[in-house]
Amino acid sequence: MKQFTEIVANPEVLNGKPCIKNTRISVDMILEWLASGATIEDIVKAYPHLNLESVRQALHYAAYFIRNEIVIEVKNPAA
């Protein structure tokens, strides 16, 4: 398994969601910010206790673990 030294999951922090080490900033929060149009640089500027490497690791972590996800298409019967 790939090493993610900047990502931790602690049951006492955000119910065990993967977060950037020493923060309460979750990997999914980083993804939401990027999806809303923020850049990695925007995130680091807004949260100076983060660094480029920790944000990049959050993205690599998400990509690594979603790579083998199975997606099931669900159709809305009312549509």
C-alpha atoms as a PDB file:
ATOM      1  CA  MET A   1       0.000   0.000   0.000  1.00  0.00           C
ATOM      2  CA  LYS A   2       1.169   3.514  -0.778  1.00  0.00           C
ATOM      3  CA  GLN A   3       2.390   5.558   2.204  1.00  0.00           C
ATOM      4  CA  PHE A   4       0.385   8.636   3.106  1.00  0.00           C
ATOM      5  CA  THR A   5       2.406  10.268   5.866  1.00  0.00           C
ATOM      6  CA  GLU A   6       0.227  13.409   5.979  1.00  0.00           C
ATOM      7  CA  ILE A   7      -3.130  11.576   6.217  1.00  0.00           C
ATOM      8  CA  VAL A   8      -4.434  10.065   9.439  1.00  0.00           C
ATOM      9  CA  ALA A   9      -7.681   8.514  10.621  1.00  0.00           C
ATOM     10  CA  ASN A  10      -8.431   8.714  14.340  1.00  0.00           C
ATOM     11  CA  PRO A  11     -11.791   7.547  15.724  1.00  0.00           C
ATOM     12  CA  GLU A  12     -11.660  10.510  18.130  1.00  0.00           C
ATOM     13  CA  VAL A  13     -11.398  13.063  15.305  1.00  0.00           C
ATOM     14  CA  LEU A  14     -14.341  13.488  12.902  1.00  0.00           C
ATOM     15  CA  ASN A  15     -15.482   9.935  13.689  1.00  0.00           C
ATOM     16  CA  GLY A  16     -12.407   8.455  12.035  1.00  0.00           C
ATOM     17  CA  LYS A  17     -12.644  10.248   8.685  1.00  0.00           C
ATOM     18  CA  PRO A  18      -9.277  10.498   6.948  1.00  0.00           C
ATOM     19  CA  CYS A  19      -7.841  13.950   7.751  1.00  0.00           C
ATOM     20  CA  ILE A  20      -4.690  15.898   7.195  1.00  0.00           C
ATOM     21  CA  LYS A  21      -2.397  15.175  10.135  1.00  0.00           C
ATOM     22  CA  ASN A  22      -2.770  17.511  13.147  1.00  0.00           C
ATOM     23  CA  THR A  23      -5.923  19.107  11.731  1.00  0.00           C
ATOM     24  CA  ARG A  24      -9.646  18.504  11.534  1.00  0.00           C
ATOM     25  CA  ILE A  25      -9.556  19.062   7.766  1.00  0.00           C
ATOM     26  CA  SER A  26     -10.828  15.913   6.093  1.00  0.00           C
ATOM     27  CA  VAL A  27      -9.860  14.534   2.714  1.00  0.00           C
ATOM     28  CA  ASP A  28     -13.452  14.919   1.527  1.00  0.00           C
ATOM     29  CA  MET A  29     -13.427  18.595   2.563  1.00  0.00           C
ATOM     30  CA  ILE A  30     -10.361  19.153   0.365  1.00  0.00           C
ATOM     31  CA  LEU A  31     -12.219  17.490  -2.521  1.00  0.00           C
ATOM     32  CA  GLU A  32     -15.271  19.692  -1.950  1.00  0.00           C
ATOM     33  CA  TRP A  33     -13.155  22.846  -2.011  1.00  0.00           C
ATOM     34  CA  LEU A  34     -11.519  21.793  -5.271  1.00  0.00           C
ATOM     35  CA  ALA A  35     -14.887  20.893  -6.776  1.00  0.00           C
ATOM     36  CA  SER A  36     -16.160  24.363  -5.872  1.00  0.00           C
ATOM     37  CA  GLY A  37     -13.352  25.960  -7.879  1.00  0.00           C
ATOM     38  CA  ALA A  38     -10.599  26.498  -5.308  1.00  0.00           C
ATOM     39  CA  THR A  39      -7.021  25.667  -6.232  1.00  0.00           C
ATOM     40  CA  ILE A  40      -4.508  23.919  -4.001  1.00  0.00           C
ATOM     41  CA  GLU A  41      -2.807  27.289  -3.594  1.00  0.00           C
ATOM     42  CA  ASP A  42      -6.130  28.884  -2.541  1.00  0.00           C
ATOM     43  CA  ILE A  43      -6.584  26.220   0.136  1.00  0.00           C
ATOM     44  CA  VAL A  44      -3.060  26.654   1.517  1.00  0.00           C
ATOM     45  CA  LYS A  45      -3.482  30.432   1.522  1.00  0.00           C
ATOM     46  CA  ALA A  46      -6.789  30.183   3.417  1.00  0.00           C
ATOM     47  CA  TYR A  47      -5.393  27.605   5.873  1.00  0.00           C
ATOM     48  CA  PRO A  48      -1.726  28.495   6.415  1.00  0.00           C
ATOM     49  CA  HIS A  49      -1.194  25.557   8.788  1.00  0.00           C
ATOM     50  CA  LEU A  50      -1.552  23.323   5.707  1.00  0.00           C
ATOM     51  CA  ASN A  51       1.123  22.960   3.071  1.00  0.00           C
ATOM     52  CA  LEU A  52       1.130  21.983  -0.590  1.00  0.00           C
ATOM     53  CA  GLU A  53       2.352  18.462   0.163  1.00  0.00           C
ATOM     54  CA  SER A  54      -0.403  17.702   2.678  1.00  0.00           C
ATOM     55  CA  VAL A  55      -3.129  18.875   0.284  1.00  0.00           C
ATOM     56  CA  ARG A  56      -1.591  16.913  -2.589  1.00  0.00           C
ATOM     57  CA  GLN A  57      -1.430  13.824  -0.407  1.00  0.00           C
ATOM     58  CA  ALA A  58      -5.122  14.232   0.387  1.00  0.00           C
ATOM     59  CA  LEU A  59      -5.840  14.155  -3.346  1.00  0.00           C
ATOM     60  CA  HIS A  60      -3.599  11.151  -3.935  1.00  0.00           C
ATOM     61  CA  TYR A  61      -5.238   9.385  -0.984  1.00  0.00           C
ATOM     62  CA  ALA A  62      -8.707   9.945  -2.441  1.00  0.00           C
ATOM     63  CA  ALA A  63      -7.610   8.771  -5.888  1.00  0.00           C
ATOM     64  CA  TYR A  64      -5.863   5.697  -4.482  1.00  0.00           C
ATOM     65  CA  PHE A  65      -8.868   4.501  -2.526  1.00  0.00           C
ATOM     66  CA  ILE A  66     -11.538   5.302  -5.085  1.00  0.00           C
ATOM     67  CA  ARG A  67      -9.644   3.547  -7.876  1.00  0.00           C
ATOM     68  CA  ASN A  68     -11.194   0.191  -6.968  1.00  0.00           C
ATOM     69  CA  GLU A  69     -14.653   1.415  -6.036  1.00  0.00           C
ATOM     70  CA  ILE A  70     -17.591  -0.225  -7.739  1.00  0.00           C
ATOM     71  CA  VAL A  71     -20.169   2.224  -9.007  1.00  0.00           C
ATOM     72  CA  ILE A  72     -23.726   0.979  -9.386  1.00  0.00           C
ATOM     73  CA  GLU A  73     -26.044   3.061 -11.511  1.00  0.00           C
ATOM     74  CA  VAL A  74     -29.363   3.710  -9.809  1.00  0.00           C
ATOM     75  CA  LYS A  75     -32.234   4.880 -11.934  1.00  0.00           C
ATOM     76  CA  ASN A  76     -35.061   6.910 -10.512  1.00  0.00           C
ATOM     77  CA  PRO A  77     -38.255   4.958 -11.259  1.00  0.00           C
ATOM     78  CA  ALA A  78     -40.283   8.188 -11.267  1.00  0.00           C
ATOM     79  CA  ALA A  79     -38.181   9.709 -14.049  1.00  0.00           C
END
